[in-house]
Protein backbone atom coordinates (compact mmCIF):
# COMPACT_ATOMS: atom_id res chain seq x y z
CA UNK A 1 -100.84 84.65 101.33
CA UNK A 2 -99.27 86.37 104.30
CA UNK A 3 -95.79 86.27 105.54
CA UNK A 4 -95.55 83.76 108.88
CA UNK A 5 -93.12 83.13 111.17
CA UNK A 6 -94.24 79.65 113.24
CA UNK A 7 -92.44 80.52 116.95
CA UNK A 8 -92.30 83.13 119.01
CA UNK A 9 -94.74 85.33 118.30
CA UNK A 10 -98.07 86.07 120.38
CA UNK A 11 -101.08 85.72 118.70
CA UNK A 12 -101.18 82.00 118.14
CA UNK A 13 -104.60 79.46 119.48
CA UNK A 14 -107.79 80.36 119.50
CA UNK A 15 -109.62 80.73 123.08
CA UNK A 16 -111.39 84.01 123.62
CA UNK A 17 -111.20 86.96 125.00
CA UNK A 18 -110.05 88.35 128.00
CA UNK A 19 -113.16 90.12 129.70
CA UNK A 20 -112.47 93.26 129.35
CA UNK A 21 -114.28 93.65 126.48
CA UNK A 22 -116.84 90.99 126.21
CA UNK A 23 -119.90 93.46 126.23
CA UNK A 24 -118.04 96.22 125.03
CA UNK A 25 -118.09 95.39 121.27
CA UNK A 26 -119.75 93.93 117.63
CA UNK A 27 -117.69 91.59 115.25
CA UNK A 28 -118.00 91.71 111.38
CA UNK A 29 -116.50 88.08 109.55
CA UNK A 30 -116.23 88.52 106.05
CA UNK A 31 -116.97 84.85 104.54
CA UNK A 32 -117.90 85.73 100.85
CA UNK A 33 -114.87 86.05 97.88
CA UNK A 34 -114.58 83.52 95.36
CA UNK A 35 -111.24 82.52 96.66
CA UNK A 36 -109.93 81.97 92.88
CA UNK A 37 -106.68 81.09 94.97
CA UNK A 38 -108.26 77.76 95.60
CA UNK A 39 -110.30 76.46 92.92
CA UNK A 40 -113.40 78.68 94.50
CA UNK A 41 -113.68 75.96 97.12
CA UNK A 42 -115.37 77.34 99.88
CA UNK A 43 -112.86 78.76 102.08
CA UNK A 44 -114.66 79.65 105.18
CA UNK A 45 -115.95 75.72 105.07
CA UNK A 46 -112.42 74.34 105.23
CA UNK A 47 -111.15 72.52 107.95
CA UNK A 48 -108.25 73.06 109.97
CA UNK A 49 -107.38 71.40 112.58
CA UNK A 50 -110.81 69.43 112.18
CA UNK A 51 -112.93 73.13 112.24
CA UNK A 52 -113.51 74.99 109.95
CA UNK A 53 -111.69 78.25 109.50
CA UNK A 54 -115.09 80.15 109.90
CA UNK A 55 -115.55 78.84 112.63
CA UNK A 56 -111.76 79.08 114.84
CA UNK A 57 -112.46 82.96 113.83
CA UNK A 58 -115.28 83.13 115.56
CA UNK A 59 -113.72 81.43 118.71
CA UNK A 60 -111.06 84.29 118.68
CA UNK A 61 -114.12 86.45 118.78
CA UNK A 62 -116.50 84.84 121.08
CA UNK A 63 -116.59 88.30 123.20
CA UNK A 64 -118.57 90.17 120.99
CA UNK A 65 -122.00 91.23 121.62
CA UNK A 66 -123.07 90.56 118.62
CA UNK A 67 -121.46 89.16 115.51
CA UNK A 68 -122.37 89.40 112.46
CA UNK A 69 -120.94 87.21 109.15
CA UNK A 70 -120.95 88.42 105.69
CA UNK A 71 -121.90 85.64 103.70
CA UNK A 72 -124.29 83.33 102.27
CA UNK A 73 -125.63 81.30 105.60
CA UNK A 74 -124.23 78.13 106.44
CA UNK A 75 -123.54 75.68 109.53
CA UNK A 76 -121.30 77.76 111.96
CA UNK A 77 -120.66 76.09 115.87
CA UNK A 78 -121.81 79.09 117.40
CA UNK A 79 -125.34 81.17 116.49
CA UNK A 80 -124.45 84.13 114.46
CA UNK A 81 -126.51 87.18 112.87
CA UNK A 82 -126.14 86.75 108.35
CA UNK A 83 -125.86 90.10 106.27
CA UNK A 84 -124.74 90.19 102.60
CA UNK A 85 -123.57 92.45 100.80
CA UNK A 86 -125.04 94.51 97.84
CA UNK A 87 -124.49 92.88 95.37
CA UNK A 88 -123.46 89.68 97.21
CA UNK A 89 -119.63 89.27 95.88
CA UNK A 90 -119.07 93.30 95.77
CA UNK A 91 -115.94 92.91 97.61
CA UNK A 92 -114.49 93.15 100.75
CA UNK A 93 -115.97 97.39 101.04
CA UNK A 94 -119.06 96.83 100.40
CA UNK A 95 -119.40 93.39 102.43
CA UNK A 96 -118.38 95.35 105.51
CA UNK A 97 -120.51 98.08 104.91
CA UNK A 98 -123.50 95.48 104.88
CA UNK A 99 -122.05 94.17 108.11
CA UNK A 100 -121.70 97.46 109.76
CA UNK A 101 -125.29 97.76 109.45
CA UNK A 102 -126.12 94.87 111.55
CA UNK A 103 -124.00 96.06 114.93
CA UNK A 104 -125.12 98.96 117.40
CA UNK A 105 -121.71 98.87 119.42
CA UNK A 106 -119.17 101.71 120.06
CA UNK A 107 -116.29 99.09 118.73
CA UNK A 108 -116.48 96.99 116.20
CA UNK A 109 -113.60 93.90 115.84
CA UNK A 110 -113.71 93.40 111.71
CA UNK A 111 -112.01 90.08 110.68
CA UNK A 112 -111.70 87.93 107.59
CA UNK A 113 -112.89 84.05 107.42
CA UNK A 114 -109.71 82.77 106.81
CA UNK A 115 -107.93 82.86 109.86
CA UNK A 116 -106.71 80.27 111.20
CA UNK A 117 -104.32 81.57 114.38
CA UNK A 118 -106.55 84.26 115.06
CA UNK A 119 -106.26 84.29 119.17
CA UNK A 120 -108.67 85.78 121.12
CA UNK A 121 -106.16 87.27 122.81
CA UNK A 122 -105.39 89.57 120.07
CA UNK A 123 -108.27 90.61 119.54
CA UNK A 124 -108.50 91.52 123.41
CA UNK A 125 -105.20 93.36 122.43
CA UNK A 126 -106.66 95.58 119.28
CA UNK A 127 -109.78 96.81 121.38
CA UNK A 128 -107.43 97.83 124.36
CA UNK A 129 -104.60 99.90 122.51
CA UNK A 130 -107.93 101.48 120.74
CA UNK A 131 -109.05 102.33 123.78
CA UNK A 132 -106.10 103.79 124.88
CA UNK A 133 -105.96 105.90 122.17
CA UNK A 134 -107.66 108.83 120.26
CA UNK A 135 -107.14 106.27 117.20
CA UNK A 136 -109.69 105.32 114.71
CA UNK A 137 -108.55 102.09 114.29
CA UNK A 138 -106.39 99.56 115.26
CA UNK A 139 -104.83 96.61 113.17
CA UNK A 140 -102.18 93.57 112.78
CA UNK A 141 -99.66 94.51 111.09
CA UNK A 142 -97.58 91.49 109.48
CA UNK A 143 -94.63 90.27 109.56
CA UNK A 144 -93.23 92.39 106.56
CA UNK A 145 -95.32 95.33 108.13
CA UNK A 146 -98.04 94.95 105.84
CA UNK A 147 -101.23 96.68 107.58
CA UNK A 148 -104.35 93.72 107.96
CA UNK A 149 -107.02 96.29 107.54
CA UNK A 150 -109.08 92.23 107.98
CA UNK A 151 -107.44 91.69 112.05
CA UNK A 152 -109.39 94.81 113.04
CA UNK A 153 -110.80 96.94 115.88
CA UNK A 154 -112.30 100.00 115.09
CA UNK A 155 -114.59 102.80 116.45
CA UNK A 156 -117.84 102.15 114.15
CA UNK A 157 -118.77 105.92 113.98
CA UNK A 158 -115.82 106.97 112.23
CA UNK A 159 -116.41 103.64 109.80
CA UNK A 160 -119.96 104.87 109.21
CA UNK A 161 -118.77 108.27 108.33
CA UNK A 162 -116.18 107.18 106.36
CA UNK A 163 -118.19 104.64 104.39
CA UNK A 164 -121.23 107.61 104.18
CA UNK A 165 -117.98 109.94 102.64
CA UNK A 166 -117.32 107.30 99.94
CA UNK A 167 -121.39 106.13 98.99
CA UNK A 168 -121.20 110.18 98.15
CA UNK A 169 -118.23 111.29 96.36
CA UNK A 170 -119.54 107.15 93.92
CA UNK A 171 -122.93 108.77 94.31
CA UNK A 172 -124.41 108.56 89.85
CA UNK A 173 -126.59 111.29 88.78
CA UNK A 174 -129.93 109.46 90.30
CA UNK A 175 -128.53 109.38 94.02
CA UNK A 176 -127.47 105.90 93.91
CA UNK A 177 -123.66 104.95 95.07
CA UNK A 178 -121.39 100.96 94.45
CA UNK A 179 -118.75 100.43 96.77
CA UNK A 180 -118.73 96.71 94.34
CA UNK A 181 -114.55 96.63 94.15
CA UNK A 182 -113.62 99.12 96.28
CA UNK A 183 -111.12 98.02 97.74
CA UNK A 184 -110.53 98.90 102.00
CA UNK A 185 -107.85 101.06 101.71
CA UNK A 186 -110.40 103.52 99.85
CA UNK A 187 -111.53 103.03 103.46
CA UNK A 188 -108.73 102.64 105.51
CA UNK A 189 -106.49 105.11 104.26
CA UNK A 190 -109.13 107.89 105.90
CA UNK A 191 -108.79 106.78 109.27
CA UNK A 192 -106.52 107.30 112.08
CA UNK A 193 -104.69 104.31 112.52
CA UNK A 194 -102.85 102.75 116.13
CA UNK A 195 -100.63 99.20 114.80
CA UNK A 196 -99.95 95.81 116.44
CA UNK A 197 -97.66 93.57 115.09
CA UNK A 198 -98.99 90.34 115.36
CA UNK A 199 -97.12 87.98 112.08
CA UNK A 200 -98.92 84.66 113.38
CA UNK A 201 -102.80 86.43 113.95
CA UNK A 202 -102.44 87.91 110.70
CA UNK A 203 -101.05 84.28 108.58
CA UNK A 204 -104.70 84.18 106.19
CA UNK A 205 -105.45 81.27 103.88
CA UNK A 206 -105.41 82.26 100.04
CA UNK A 207 -103.89 78.97 98.59
CA UNK A 208 -103.51 75.54 99.00
CA UNK A 209 -99.81 75.33 100.49
CA UNK A 210 -101.23 78.13 103.27
CA UNK A 211 -103.93 75.77 104.18
CA UNK A 212 -101.14 72.93 104.44
CA UNK A 213 -98.85 74.83 106.25
CA UNK A 214 -101.44 75.87 108.79
CA UNK A 215 -102.33 72.00 108.73
CA UNK A 216 -98.78 71.11 109.87
CA UNK A 217 -98.49 73.82 112.30
CA UNK A 218 -101.01 72.75 114.47
CA UNK A 219 -99.79 69.36 114.56
CA UNK A 220 -95.93 70.52 115.62
CA UNK A 221 -95.54 69.41 119.64
CA UNK A 222 -95.69 73.17 120.51
CA UNK A 223 -99.67 73.66 119.74
CA UNK A 224 -100.85 70.20 119.66
CA UNK A 225 -102.16 69.89 122.91
CA UNK A 226 -103.56 73.48 123.03
CA UNK A 227 -105.52 73.23 119.41
CA UNK A 228 -107.03 69.61 120.25
CA UNK A 229 -108.02 71.07 123.60
CA UNK A 230 -110.25 73.88 121.89
CA UNK A 231 -111.66 72.55 118.72
CA UNK A 232 -112.97 69.28 121.41
CA UNK A 233 -114.28 72.13 123.44
CA UNK A 234 -116.25 74.01 120.58
CA UNK A 235 -117.37 70.34 119.34
CA UNK A 236 -119.01 69.22 122.93
CA UNK A 237 -120.54 73.09 122.95
CA UNK A 238 -118.05 73.77 126.41
CA UNK A 239 -116.43 76.84 127.36
CA UNK A 240 -114.05 75.75 130.32
CA UNK A 241 -110.50 76.73 131.38
CA UNK A 242 -108.87 73.30 131.15
CA UNK A 243 -105.39 72.75 133.11
CA UNK A 244 -103.71 70.83 130.55
CA UNK A 245 -100.74 70.12 133.13
CA UNK A 246 -103.29 69.07 135.72
CA UNK A 247 -105.03 66.18 134.10
CA UNK A 248 -102.12 64.99 132.07
CA UNK A 249 -100.57 64.00 135.78
CA UNK A 250 -103.23 62.47 136.70
CA UNK A 251 -103.26 60.59 133.48
CA UNK A 252 -100.03 60.07 134.24
CA UNK A 253 -99.88 58.61 138.01
CA UNK A 254 -103.48 57.01 137.02
CA UNK A 255 -101.21 54.87 134.45
CA UNK A 256 -98.69 54.53 136.02
CA UNK A 257 -100.02 53.55 139.41
CA UNK A 258 -102.59 51.42 138.45
CA UNK A 259 -102.76 50.05 135.04
CA UNK A 260 -102.30 52.18 131.36
CA UNK A 261 -105.96 51.87 130.49
CA UNK A 262 -106.91 53.87 134.13
CA UNK A 263 -105.53 57.11 132.63
CA UNK A 264 -108.65 57.45 129.88
CA UNK A 265 -111.12 55.99 132.37
CA UNK A 266 -110.25 58.33 135.60
CA UNK A 267 -110.04 61.39 133.31
CA UNK A 268 -113.65 60.39 131.71
CA UNK A 269 -114.40 60.31 135.37
CA UNK A 270 -112.96 63.24 137.12
CA UNK A 271 -115.23 64.88 133.90
CA UNK A 272 -118.19 63.14 134.40
CA UNK A 273 -117.92 64.27 139.03
CA UNK A 274 -117.16 67.50 138.26
CA UNK A 275 -119.89 68.52 136.00
CA UNK A 276 -122.42 67.04 138.56
CA UNK A 277 -120.38 69.24 141.30
CA UNK A 278 -121.59 72.51 139.14
CA UNK A 279 -118.64 72.10 136.67
CA UNK A 280 -116.66 74.62 136.32
CA UNK A 281 -112.49 75.22 136.65
CA UNK A 282 -112.66 75.10 140.65
CA UNK A 283 -114.72 71.51 140.50
CA UNK A 284 -112.36 69.82 137.62
CA UNK A 285 -109.44 70.93 140.04
CA UNK A 286 -110.91 69.20 143.11
CA UNK A 287 -111.77 66.16 141.46
CA UNK A 288 -108.71 66.17 140.15
CA UNK A 289 -106.85 66.51 143.04
CA UNK A 290 -109.60 63.86 144.82
CA UNK A 291 -108.29 60.72 142.06
CA UNK A 292 -104.59 61.68 141.86
CA UNK A 293 -104.48 61.24 145.58
CA UNK A 294 -106.28 58.01 144.97
CA UNK A 295 -104.16 57.01 141.87
CA UNK A 296 -101.38 57.69 144.81
CA UNK A 297 -102.49 55.18 147.55
CA UNK A 298 -102.73 52.91 145.10
CA UNK A 299 -98.91 53.28 143.56
CA UNK A 300 -98.24 52.68 147.61
CA UNK A 301 -99.92 49.42 147.86
CA UNK A 302 -98.15 48.32 144.93
CA UNK A 303 -94.85 49.58 146.27
CA UNK A 304 -95.34 47.61 149.50
CA UNK A 305 -95.72 45.02 147.97
CA UNK A 306 -93.00 44.94 145.62
CA UNK A 307 -91.16 44.76 149.56
CA UNK A 308 -88.35 42.23 149.94
CA UNK A 309 -89.30 39.62 152.32
CA UNK A 310 -87.90 40.15 155.59
CA UNK A 311 -88.05 44.01 155.53
CA UNK A 312 -90.96 45.62 157.48
CA UNK A 313 -94.31 46.37 156.59
CA UNK A 314 -94.88 49.91 157.85
CA UNK A 315 -94.51 53.19 157.15
CA UNK A 316 -91.54 55.06 156.95
CA UNK A 317 -92.94 57.27 159.62
CA UNK A 318 -94.28 54.67 161.94
CA UNK A 319 -94.06 55.12 165.36
CA UNK A 320 -92.76 51.53 167.34
CA UNK A 321 -94.90 50.58 169.71
CA UNK A 322 -93.70 51.06 173.16
CA UNK A 323 -95.52 50.15 176.20
CA UNK A 324 -94.62 47.59 178.85
CA UNK A 325 -95.91 44.43 177.68
CA UNK A 326 -95.43 44.88 174.23
C-alpha cells in the first residue's frame, strides 16, 4: 500500500488527460501479477465505485494513441491492445518490455492497473513535465517521497536503450536474456528522472484494506458526485463534460417549482433533447436553460395562485391602464 492523504491533494478523479498530448503518447498498463496480498484475487477486475480498477486506469489514459495492457485478455470499457510477458508472471520489468514492444510513440505512459484515483490531469502533468525537461522520464512520488515508476511517463527511446543494456547484461552463454524477476529500479536507476509529488494518484490497492479505503473515499461528500458521473459515463459509453451545477440547479427548480418527481424526468428529457440536437456541452446547456426557464414560469404561476384574495393579480412591473376612457 502506498501512503494516502484523502484531501487537498491533486490527482483525484479519473477524467481523461487534456488534449495537448492526446495523439502524442502511447500507454502501457501492467495488469498481471499474482496479487498474493489479496489472496490471489483478480485485482484488476476488483470494483471500486462500480468500475473495475483496470477500467479506472484506462479512463485516465484515454488520450493515448495506443494503449497496451500486459495481461491475459479480458473485457474492458474501451478497446486496448493485449500483450503478455515472457514468461507469464515474469514480473514488472518483463511485462514492461512486452508492452513497450507494441508501442510506437515517442512518449509512453507506464501505469499499474491498481490505481483507483489516478487522474487524467496527472497523466497530462507527467507528459508536460517530461516534455519541458531534458529528462528521460517523469514519475509520481507518494506521500513519503518514494518513487512510483508505474505511475510515470518516459521517452520511449530511453526506455528501449536501458532495456537493451539490461538484456545484454543478462544474456547467457547462448545469447538468451531473461528479465524475469528483475525489479524496475534496475531500469529506472539508469534514467534521468523528473519527480511529480502526488499522494492521491500514487495510492495503489495491494490489500483488502486498501480496497476498503478506496471504496470509502469515493463515497465521501466531496467526491461522490464526480465519481458517480465518471462511472456512469464509462458504463454508458459517452464522453461529455458535464456541468454538474447546471443540472443540479435544474433538478432543484423542477422539484420545487413543479413537483419532486419532475426532477429526474426533466433531466432525462434535457439529455434526450440535447442528443437530438447533436449532443455536446453546448446542446446540454441550451436545453437545460430552456427547461429551467419553464420550471421558473411554473413556479411563478404557483406563487400567483397563492396570492391572497383582494390583491391585484398583475406582475410587479405591469403598467396601469391610463387611457382616458379606462
